[in-house]
Amino acid sequence: MEVVWTAECFKDLSGIYEYYSRDNEFYAKQVVARIIDKGKQVAAFPKSGRKVPEIDNPNIREVFRGNYRIIYVITDQDIRILTVVHGAMDIRSKFL
């Protein structure tokens, strides 16, 4: 299936890059690249991610890359990456 990265997700990635690039631009690029690479796993194995515990929808799933949760939804047409958030963040407000 095709993976679609949403506009919200690009904002998240931009924020992650900005945060890490304050100290080390090279590391910031690596962190973002590793998150994007995780999308390949999602494309190949859409149900490999676990169901998001805070959301009662079996099609909304997540995979982890480092400290980040990559949250996506499986549709009939594609897989949409909805957001990338730090694992310590409460995501309920983003989806309610």
Protein backbone atom coordinates (compact mmCIF):
# COMPACT_ATOMS: atom_id res chain seq x y z
CA MET A 1 0.00 0.00 0.00
CA GLU A 2 1.02 3.58 -0.54
CA VAL A 3 1.99 5.65 2.47
CA VAL A 4 0.77 9.26 2.53
CA TRP A 5 2.42 11.68 4.94
CA THR A 6 -0.15 14.31 5.97
CA ALA A 7 0.47 18.05 6.31
CA GLU A 8 0.13 17.70 10.10
CA CYS A 9 2.84 15.07 10.06
CA PHE A 10 5.20 17.34 8.11
CA LYS A 11 4.67 20.03 10.76
CA ASP A 12 5.59 17.46 13.40
CA LEU A 13 8.75 16.45 11.53
CA SER A 14 9.72 20.07 11.04
CA GLY A 15 9.35 20.71 14.77
CA ILE A 16 11.45 17.66 15.61
CA TYR A 17 14.14 18.81 13.19
CA GLU A 18 14.15 22.34 14.63
CA TYR A 19 14.42 21.03 18.18
CA TYR A 20 17.46 18.82 17.51
CA SER A 21 19.15 21.17 15.05
CA ARG A 22 19.65 23.75 17.82
CA ASP A 23 22.43 21.50 19.09
CA ASN A 24 23.38 19.33 16.12
CA GLU A 25 22.06 19.68 12.58
CA PHE A 26 23.54 16.36 11.48
CA TYR A 27 21.78 14.50 14.29
CA ALA A 28 18.52 16.33 13.55
CA LYS A 29 18.63 15.08 9.95
CA GLN A 30 19.30 11.54 11.16
CA VAL A 31 16.37 11.55 13.57
CA VAL A 32 13.94 12.75 10.90
CA ALA A 33 15.34 10.35 8.27
CA ARG A 34 14.92 7.40 10.64
CA ILE A 35 11.31 8.35 11.30
CA ILE A 36 10.63 8.59 7.56
CA ASP A 37 12.34 5.23 6.98
CA LYS A 38 9.91 3.66 9.44
CA GLY A 39 7.21 4.47 6.88
CA LYS A 40 8.67 1.72 4.69
CA GLN A 41 7.83 -0.84 7.37
CA VAL A 42 4.31 0.51 7.59
CA ALA A 43 3.94 0.29 3.80
CA ALA A 44 5.11 -3.31 3.72
CA PHE A 45 3.32 -4.45 6.88
CA PRO A 46 0.42 -2.10 7.68
CA LYS A 47 -0.81 -4.11 10.64
CA SER A 48 2.65 -4.47 12.19
CA GLY A 49 1.96 -1.47 14.38
CA ARG A 50 -0.02 -1.84 17.56
CA LYS A 51 -3.46 -0.34 18.03
CA VAL A 52 -3.19 3.07 19.68
CA PRO A 53 -4.31 2.49 23.29
CA GLU A 54 -5.88 5.94 23.66
CA ILE A 55 -8.06 5.58 20.56
CA ASP A 56 -10.77 2.97 20.14
CA ASN A 57 -10.26 2.31 16.44
CA PRO A 58 -8.51 -0.84 15.16
CA ASN A 59 -7.43 0.96 11.97
CA ILE A 60 -5.48 3.63 13.85
CA ARG A 61 -2.10 2.15 14.70
CA GLU A 62 1.36 3.19 15.73
CA VAL A 63 4.97 2.18 15.36
CA PHE A 64 7.87 3.54 17.35
CA ARG A 65 11.17 5.01 16.26
CA GLY A 66 13.32 6.01 19.18
CA ASN A 67 11.25 8.17 21.50
CA TYR A 68 8.66 8.92 18.83
CA ARG A 69 5.25 7.45 18.11
CA ILE A 70 4.34 7.38 14.42
CA ILE A 71 0.56 7.21 14.33
CA TYR A 72 -1.22 6.18 11.16
CA VAL A 73 -4.58 5.06 9.85
CA ILE A 74 -5.17 2.21 7.43
CA THR A 75 -7.81 3.04 4.80
CA ASP A 76 -9.06 1.10 1.80
CA GLN A 77 -6.94 3.26 -0.51
CA ASP A 78 -3.75 3.94 1.43
CA ILE A 79 -2.01 4.38 4.75
CA ARG A 80 -2.01 7.92 6.13
CA ILE A 81 0.60 8.97 8.63
CA LEU A 82 -1.41 11.25 10.91
CA THR A 83 1.16 12.52 13.35
CA VAL A 84 4.57 11.94 14.89
CA VAL A 85 4.71 12.71 18.60
CA HIS A 86 7.11 12.21 21.44
CA GLY A 87 6.21 9.15 23.49
CA ALA A 88 5.66 11.23 26.63
CA MET A 89 3.01 13.39 24.96
CA ASP A 90 -0.68 12.87 25.70
CA ILE A 91 -2.21 12.45 22.24
CA ARG A 92 -5.87 12.34 23.24
CA SER A 93 -6.27 16.10 22.70
CA LYS A 94 -5.01 15.73 19.11
CA PHE A 95 -7.68 13.21 18.21
CA LEU A 96 -10.69 14.20 20.31
